[in-house]
N, C-alpha and C. Protein backbone atom coordinates (compact mmCIF):
# COMPACT_ATOMS: atom_id res chain seq x y z
N MET A 1 -10.59 -42.68 51.20
CA MET A 1 -10.62 -42.72 49.75
C MET A 1 -9.32 -42.09 49.24
N LEU A 2 -8.72 -42.74 48.29
CA LEU A 2 -7.41 -42.32 47.79
C LEU A 2 -7.46 -40.98 47.06
N ASN A 3 -8.41 -40.79 46.14
CA ASN A 3 -8.48 -39.56 45.37
C ASN A 3 -9.94 -39.14 45.20
N PRO A 4 -10.52 -38.51 46.23
CA PRO A 4 -11.94 -38.16 46.14
C PRO A 4 -12.26 -37.17 45.02
N GLY A 5 -11.33 -36.29 44.69
CA GLY A 5 -11.58 -35.30 43.65
C GLY A 5 -11.84 -35.95 42.30
N LYS A 6 -10.96 -36.85 41.90
CA LYS A 6 -11.14 -37.56 40.62
C LYS A 6 -12.38 -38.45 40.66
N TYR A 7 -12.62 -39.08 41.81
CA TYR A 7 -13.80 -39.93 41.97
C TYR A 7 -15.06 -39.12 41.68
N GLY A 8 -15.17 -37.94 42.28
CA GLY A 8 -16.33 -37.08 42.08
C GLY A 8 -16.46 -36.61 40.64
N GLU A 9 -15.34 -36.24 40.03
CA GLU A 9 -15.38 -35.79 38.63
C GLU A 9 -15.91 -36.88 37.72
N PHE A 10 -15.43 -38.12 37.90
CA PHE A 10 -15.89 -39.21 37.05
C PHE A 10 -17.35 -39.57 37.31
N LEU A 11 -17.80 -39.46 38.56
CA LEU A 11 -19.22 -39.70 38.85
C LEU A 11 -20.11 -38.68 38.14
N VAL A 12 -19.71 -37.41 38.19
CA VAL A 12 -20.50 -36.36 37.53
C VAL A 12 -20.47 -36.57 36.02
N LEU A 13 -19.31 -36.85 35.47
CA LEU A 13 -19.21 -37.10 34.03
C LEU A 13 -20.11 -38.26 33.62
N ALA A 14 -20.09 -39.33 34.38
CA ALA A 14 -20.94 -40.49 34.09
C ALA A 14 -22.42 -40.13 34.17
N GLU A 15 -22.79 -39.34 35.16
CA GLU A 15 -24.19 -38.92 35.32
C GLU A 15 -24.65 -38.11 34.11
N LEU A 16 -23.80 -37.19 33.66
CA LEU A 16 -24.14 -36.37 32.48
C LEU A 16 -24.28 -37.24 31.23
N LEU A 17 -23.37 -38.17 31.05
CA LEU A 17 -23.43 -39.04 29.88
C LEU A 17 -24.67 -39.94 29.92
N LYS A 18 -25.07 -40.40 31.13
CA LYS A 18 -26.31 -41.19 31.26
C LYS A 18 -27.52 -40.41 30.80
N MET A 19 -27.47 -39.08 30.96
CA MET A 19 -28.59 -38.22 30.55
C MET A 19 -28.46 -37.75 29.10
N ASP A 20 -27.54 -38.38 28.36
CA ASP A 20 -27.29 -38.03 26.96
C ASP A 20 -26.85 -36.57 26.79
N ILE A 21 -26.09 -36.09 27.75
CA ILE A 21 -25.51 -34.74 27.66
C ILE A 21 -24.08 -34.90 27.18
N GLU A 22 -23.73 -34.17 26.13
CA GLU A 22 -22.38 -34.24 25.59
C GLU A 22 -21.41 -33.57 26.55
N ALA A 23 -20.56 -34.37 27.18
CA ALA A 23 -19.67 -33.85 28.22
C ALA A 23 -18.29 -34.47 28.08
N TYR A 24 -17.26 -33.67 28.43
CA TYR A 24 -15.87 -34.09 28.31
C TYR A 24 -15.09 -33.60 29.51
N GLN A 25 -14.02 -34.33 29.85
CA GLN A 25 -13.10 -33.83 30.87
C GLN A 25 -12.42 -32.59 30.31
N ALA A 26 -12.27 -31.58 31.14
CA ALA A 26 -11.57 -30.36 30.72
C ALA A 26 -10.08 -30.64 30.60
N VAL A 27 -9.44 -29.92 29.73
CA VAL A 27 -7.99 -30.02 29.55
C VAL A 27 -7.36 -29.06 30.56
N LYS A 28 -6.62 -29.59 31.51
CA LYS A 28 -6.11 -28.77 32.63
C LYS A 28 -5.11 -27.70 32.20
N ILE A 29 -4.49 -27.85 31.05
CA ILE A 29 -3.49 -26.87 30.62
C ILE A 29 -4.11 -25.50 30.38
N ASN A 30 -5.28 -25.45 29.76
CA ASN A 30 -5.90 -24.15 29.48
C ASN A 30 -7.30 -24.01 30.07
N GLN A 31 -7.72 -24.97 30.87
CA GLN A 31 -9.05 -24.92 31.48
C GLN A 31 -8.94 -25.22 32.98
N GLU A 32 -8.15 -24.43 33.68
CA GLU A 32 -7.82 -24.70 35.08
C GLU A 32 -8.98 -24.52 36.05
N ASP A 33 -9.94 -23.66 35.73
CA ASP A 33 -10.99 -23.31 36.67
C ASP A 33 -12.18 -24.26 36.67
N TYR A 34 -12.19 -25.23 35.80
CA TYR A 34 -13.32 -26.16 35.76
C TYR A 34 -12.83 -27.54 35.35
N ASP A 35 -13.68 -28.54 35.58
CA ASP A 35 -13.28 -29.94 35.41
C ASP A 35 -13.95 -30.62 34.23
N ILE A 36 -15.16 -30.17 33.88
CA ILE A 36 -15.93 -30.81 32.81
C ILE A 36 -16.47 -29.74 31.88
N THR A 37 -16.42 -30.03 30.60
CA THR A 37 -16.99 -29.15 29.59
C THR A 37 -18.22 -29.83 29.00
N VAL A 38 -19.35 -29.12 29.00
CA VAL A 38 -20.58 -29.63 28.41
C VAL A 38 -20.85 -28.82 27.14
N VAL A 39 -21.12 -29.53 26.06
CA VAL A 39 -21.44 -28.86 24.80
C VAL A 39 -22.95 -28.96 24.59
N ARG A 40 -23.63 -27.83 24.73
CA ARG A 40 -25.09 -27.80 24.57
C ARG A 40 -25.47 -27.59 23.11
N SER A 41 -24.68 -26.81 22.39
CA SER A 41 -24.91 -26.56 20.96
C SER A 41 -23.59 -26.06 20.38
N VAL A 42 -23.61 -25.76 19.10
CA VAL A 42 -22.41 -25.26 18.44
C VAL A 42 -21.91 -23.97 19.10
N SER A 43 -22.84 -23.19 19.62
CA SER A 43 -22.46 -21.89 20.20
C SER A 43 -22.59 -21.81 21.72
N GLU A 44 -22.89 -22.94 22.38
CA GLU A 44 -23.07 -22.90 23.84
C GLU A 44 -22.29 -24.00 24.54
N VAL A 45 -21.39 -23.57 25.41
CA VAL A 45 -20.59 -24.49 26.22
C VAL A 45 -20.81 -24.13 27.69
N ILE A 46 -20.96 -25.14 28.52
CA ILE A 46 -21.13 -24.94 29.96
C ILE A 46 -19.90 -25.52 30.66
N ARG A 47 -19.30 -24.71 31.55
CA ARG A 47 -18.11 -25.13 32.30
C ARG A 47 -18.53 -25.57 33.69
N ILE A 48 -18.18 -26.79 34.06
CA ILE A 48 -18.60 -27.36 35.34
C ILE A 48 -17.39 -27.58 36.24
N GLN A 49 -17.47 -27.03 37.44
CA GLN A 49 -16.47 -27.27 38.49
C GLN A 49 -17.05 -28.33 39.42
N VAL A 50 -16.26 -29.35 39.75
CA VAL A 50 -16.71 -30.42 40.65
C VAL A 50 -15.87 -30.36 41.91
N LYS A 51 -16.54 -30.37 43.06
CA LYS A 51 -15.86 -30.43 44.35
C LYS A 51 -16.43 -31.62 45.12
N THR A 52 -15.55 -32.41 45.68
CA THR A 52 -15.97 -33.64 46.36
C THR A 52 -15.47 -33.64 47.79
N THR A 53 -16.33 -34.11 48.70
CA THR A 53 -15.94 -34.27 50.10
C THR A 53 -16.60 -35.54 50.64
N GLU A 54 -16.02 -36.06 51.70
CA GLU A 54 -16.58 -37.23 52.36
C GLU A 54 -17.35 -36.78 53.60
N LEU A 55 -18.54 -37.30 53.78
CA LEU A 55 -19.38 -36.90 54.91
C LEU A 55 -18.77 -37.32 56.24
N GLN A 56 -18.30 -38.53 56.32
CA GLN A 56 -17.76 -39.05 57.58
C GLN A 56 -16.25 -38.86 57.63
N ASN A 57 -15.82 -37.67 57.98
CA ASN A 57 -14.39 -37.42 58.21
C ASN A 57 -14.25 -36.56 59.45
N SER A 58 -13.07 -36.13 59.76
CA SER A 58 -12.85 -35.42 61.02
C SER A 58 -13.27 -33.95 60.97
N SER A 59 -13.58 -33.42 59.80
CA SER A 59 -13.97 -32.02 59.67
C SER A 59 -15.43 -31.85 60.05
N THR A 60 -15.74 -30.76 60.74
CA THR A 60 -17.13 -30.48 61.11
C THR A 60 -17.89 -29.84 59.97
N ASN A 61 -17.27 -28.91 59.25
CA ASN A 61 -17.96 -28.14 58.22
C ASN A 61 -17.71 -28.63 56.80
N ASN A 62 -16.63 -29.37 56.58
CA ASN A 62 -16.26 -29.79 55.23
C ASN A 62 -16.35 -28.62 54.26
N ALA A 63 -15.55 -27.62 54.51
CA ALA A 63 -15.58 -26.41 53.69
C ALA A 63 -14.99 -26.67 52.32
N ILE A 64 -15.67 -26.16 51.30
CA ILE A 64 -15.16 -26.18 49.94
C ILE A 64 -14.67 -24.78 49.65
N SER A 65 -13.40 -24.67 49.31
CA SER A 65 -12.82 -23.34 49.11
C SER A 65 -12.62 -23.05 47.62
N ASN A 66 -12.18 -21.83 47.34
CA ASN A 66 -11.90 -21.38 45.97
C ASN A 66 -13.13 -21.49 45.06
N VAL A 67 -14.28 -21.11 45.58
CA VAL A 67 -15.50 -21.20 44.78
C VAL A 67 -15.70 -19.98 43.88
N ASP A 68 -14.71 -19.11 43.85
CA ASP A 68 -14.81 -17.90 43.03
C ASP A 68 -14.14 -18.05 41.67
N LYS A 69 -13.90 -19.27 41.26
CA LYS A 69 -13.23 -19.53 39.98
C LYS A 69 -14.16 -19.23 38.80
N ASN A 70 -13.63 -19.40 37.60
CA ASN A 70 -14.35 -19.09 36.37
C ASN A 70 -15.05 -20.34 35.83
N TYR A 71 -16.30 -20.55 36.22
CA TYR A 71 -17.11 -21.69 35.77
C TYR A 71 -18.56 -21.26 35.74
N ASP A 72 -19.43 -22.10 35.19
CA ASP A 72 -20.86 -21.79 35.10
C ASP A 72 -21.69 -22.54 36.13
N ILE A 73 -21.29 -23.78 36.41
CA ILE A 73 -22.02 -24.66 37.32
C ILE A 73 -21.03 -25.29 38.29
N LEU A 74 -21.42 -25.37 39.55
CA LEU A 74 -20.65 -26.10 40.56
C LEU A 74 -21.46 -27.32 40.96
N VAL A 75 -20.83 -28.49 40.90
CA VAL A 75 -21.46 -29.72 41.40
C VAL A 75 -20.68 -30.15 42.62
N ILE A 76 -21.37 -30.20 43.75
CA ILE A 76 -20.76 -30.67 45.00
C ILE A 76 -21.15 -32.13 45.17
N VAL A 77 -20.14 -32.98 45.27
CA VAL A 77 -20.35 -34.41 45.45
C VAL A 77 -20.01 -34.73 46.91
N ILE A 78 -20.98 -35.28 47.63
CA ILE A 78 -20.76 -35.66 49.02
C ILE A 78 -20.87 -37.18 49.12
N VAL A 79 -19.76 -37.79 49.51
CA VAL A 79 -19.69 -39.25 49.59
C VAL A 79 -20.05 -39.66 51.01
N GLU A 80 -21.15 -40.38 51.14
CA GLU A 80 -21.58 -40.92 52.42
C GLU A 80 -21.11 -42.38 52.49
N PRO A 81 -21.16 -42.99 53.66
CA PRO A 81 -20.69 -44.37 53.76
C PRO A 81 -21.35 -45.34 52.77
N SER A 82 -22.64 -45.17 52.51
CA SER A 82 -23.33 -46.11 51.60
C SER A 82 -24.05 -45.41 50.46
N ASN A 83 -23.70 -44.14 50.19
CA ASN A 83 -24.44 -43.38 49.20
C ASN A 83 -23.57 -42.23 48.70
N VAL A 84 -23.89 -41.74 47.52
CA VAL A 84 -23.26 -40.53 46.99
C VAL A 84 -24.36 -39.57 46.62
N ARG A 85 -24.23 -38.32 47.08
CA ARG A 85 -25.24 -37.30 46.77
C ARG A 85 -24.58 -36.17 46.02
N MET A 86 -25.33 -35.59 45.05
CA MET A 86 -24.79 -34.53 44.22
C MET A 86 -25.70 -33.31 44.26
N PHE A 87 -25.07 -32.14 44.38
CA PHE A 87 -25.77 -30.88 44.51
C PHE A 87 -25.30 -29.96 43.39
N VAL A 88 -26.23 -29.45 42.60
CA VAL A 88 -25.92 -28.70 41.39
C VAL A 88 -26.33 -27.24 41.60
N LEU A 89 -25.33 -26.34 41.54
CA LEU A 89 -25.57 -24.91 41.78
C LEU A 89 -25.04 -24.09 40.60
N THR A 90 -25.81 -23.08 40.21
CA THR A 90 -25.30 -22.13 39.23
C THR A 90 -24.29 -21.23 39.93
N LYS A 91 -23.55 -20.48 39.17
CA LYS A 91 -22.57 -19.56 39.76
C LYS A 91 -23.26 -18.52 40.64
N ASP A 92 -24.42 -18.02 40.21
CA ASP A 92 -25.17 -17.06 41.04
C ASP A 92 -25.60 -17.68 42.36
N GLU A 93 -26.01 -18.92 42.35
CA GLU A 93 -26.40 -19.60 43.59
C GLU A 93 -25.19 -19.78 44.49
N VAL A 94 -24.05 -20.10 43.92
CA VAL A 94 -22.81 -20.24 44.70
C VAL A 94 -22.50 -18.93 45.40
N LEU A 95 -22.62 -17.83 44.69
CA LEU A 95 -22.31 -16.52 45.27
C LEU A 95 -23.25 -16.18 46.43
N ARG A 96 -24.48 -16.70 46.39
CA ARG A 96 -25.44 -16.45 47.49
C ARG A 96 -25.16 -17.35 48.70
N VAL A 97 -24.67 -18.56 48.46
CA VAL A 97 -24.47 -19.54 49.53
C VAL A 97 -23.11 -19.41 50.21
N LYS A 98 -22.12 -18.94 49.49
CA LYS A 98 -20.75 -18.93 50.01
C LYS A 98 -20.58 -17.96 51.18
N THR A 99 -19.52 -18.20 51.94
CA THR A 99 -19.19 -17.32 53.05
C THR A 99 -18.32 -16.17 52.54
N SER A 100 -18.01 -15.24 53.40
CA SER A 100 -17.14 -14.12 53.01
C SER A 100 -15.74 -14.59 52.68
N GLY A 101 -15.35 -15.77 53.12
CA GLY A 101 -14.03 -16.31 52.83
C GLY A 101 -14.00 -17.17 51.57
N ASN A 102 -14.99 -16.99 50.70
CA ASN A 102 -15.08 -17.76 49.45
C ASN A 102 -15.13 -19.26 49.69
N GLN A 103 -15.91 -19.67 50.69
CA GLN A 103 -16.07 -21.09 50.99
C GLN A 103 -17.55 -21.44 51.06
N ILE A 104 -17.83 -22.70 50.82
CA ILE A 104 -19.17 -23.24 51.05
C ILE A 104 -19.01 -24.36 52.06
N TYR A 105 -19.75 -24.24 53.17
CA TYR A 105 -19.74 -25.31 54.17
C TYR A 105 -20.80 -26.34 53.77
N THR A 106 -20.38 -27.59 53.69
CA THR A 106 -21.28 -28.62 53.17
C THR A 106 -21.93 -29.48 54.24
N THR A 107 -21.32 -29.53 55.43
CA THR A 107 -21.87 -30.40 56.47
C THR A 107 -21.99 -29.64 57.79
N GLU A 108 -22.75 -30.22 58.68
CA GLU A 108 -22.93 -29.67 60.02
C GLU A 108 -23.12 -30.82 60.99
N LYS A 109 -22.97 -30.50 62.26
CA LYS A 109 -23.08 -31.53 63.30
C LYS A 109 -23.93 -30.98 64.44
N PRO A 110 -25.22 -30.71 64.17
CA PRO A 110 -26.06 -30.04 65.18
C PRO A 110 -26.38 -30.89 66.41
N SER A 111 -26.55 -32.19 66.24
CA SER A 111 -26.93 -33.04 67.37
C SER A 111 -25.94 -34.19 67.56
N GLY A 112 -24.69 -33.93 67.21
CA GLY A 112 -23.67 -34.95 67.38
C GLY A 112 -23.49 -35.86 66.17
N THR A 113 -24.42 -35.80 65.23
CA THR A 113 -24.33 -36.61 64.02
C THR A 113 -24.05 -35.71 62.83
N VAL A 114 -23.06 -36.07 62.04
CA VAL A 114 -22.71 -35.26 60.87
C VAL A 114 -23.76 -35.44 59.80
N GLY A 115 -24.22 -34.32 59.24
CA GLY A 115 -25.20 -34.35 58.16
C GLY A 115 -24.94 -33.24 57.17
N ILE A 116 -25.64 -33.29 56.07
CA ILE A 116 -25.50 -32.27 55.03
C ILE A 116 -26.25 -31.01 55.46
N ARG A 117 -25.62 -29.87 55.25
CA ARG A 117 -26.24 -28.59 55.62
C ARG A 117 -27.57 -28.40 54.91
N GLN A 118 -28.53 -27.89 55.65
CA GLN A 118 -29.88 -27.71 55.11
C GLN A 118 -29.93 -26.77 53.92
N ASN A 119 -29.03 -25.77 53.89
CA ASN A 119 -29.08 -24.81 52.78
C ASN A 119 -28.64 -25.42 51.45
N LEU A 120 -28.09 -26.63 51.46
CA LEU A 120 -27.70 -27.30 50.22
C LEU A 120 -28.77 -28.24 49.68
N ILE A 121 -29.65 -28.72 50.53
CA ILE A 121 -30.61 -29.76 50.16
C ILE A 121 -31.42 -29.36 48.92
N GLN A 122 -31.79 -28.09 48.81
CA GLN A 122 -32.61 -27.64 47.67
C GLN A 122 -31.91 -27.79 46.32
N TYR A 123 -30.59 -27.96 46.32
CA TYR A 123 -29.83 -28.07 45.08
C TYR A 123 -29.54 -29.52 44.67
N GLU A 124 -30.03 -30.46 45.45
CA GLU A 124 -29.72 -31.86 45.17
C GLU A 124 -30.32 -32.31 43.84
N ASN A 125 -29.47 -32.90 43.01
CA ASN A 125 -29.87 -33.46 41.71
C ASN A 125 -30.61 -32.48 40.81
N GLN A 126 -30.22 -31.24 40.83
CA GLN A 126 -30.85 -30.21 39.99
C GLN A 126 -30.18 -30.16 38.61
N TRP A 127 -30.15 -31.31 37.94
CA TRP A 127 -29.44 -31.46 36.67
C TRP A 127 -30.06 -30.64 35.54
N GLN A 128 -31.31 -30.23 35.68
CA GLN A 128 -31.95 -29.46 34.62
C GLN A 128 -31.29 -28.10 34.39
N LYS A 129 -30.43 -27.69 35.31
CA LYS A 129 -29.71 -26.41 35.15
C LYS A 129 -28.64 -26.50 34.07
N ILE A 130 -28.32 -27.72 33.69
CA ILE A 130 -27.24 -27.94 32.70
C ILE A 130 -27.85 -28.13 31.32
């Protein structure tokens, strides 16, 4: 895939808009730590960071780094050969799942087949957090 990061951001933005959630691409000049801005009300804005990885690549863990940025929600987009899966975590959940190196490992290869890590499954499609 040529640009998985942008692909994931647009998929998340489209998903939010399908749910009638007011969402916009963040302006990179002054909003470096997140990719999408959600407007919940006049006084409430949610900052969403999107990280995308491909399931079938040469990496065993598909680590997502720099998860200590300034955002409210992290959406991990995992592109499988015939499917796309999205995992929605609050910042507190990210802090519980991440490693000491500020990374989240998204995949594992326990029996020779690459799959999504079990500790992420509970966060799949948890859009109600937004």
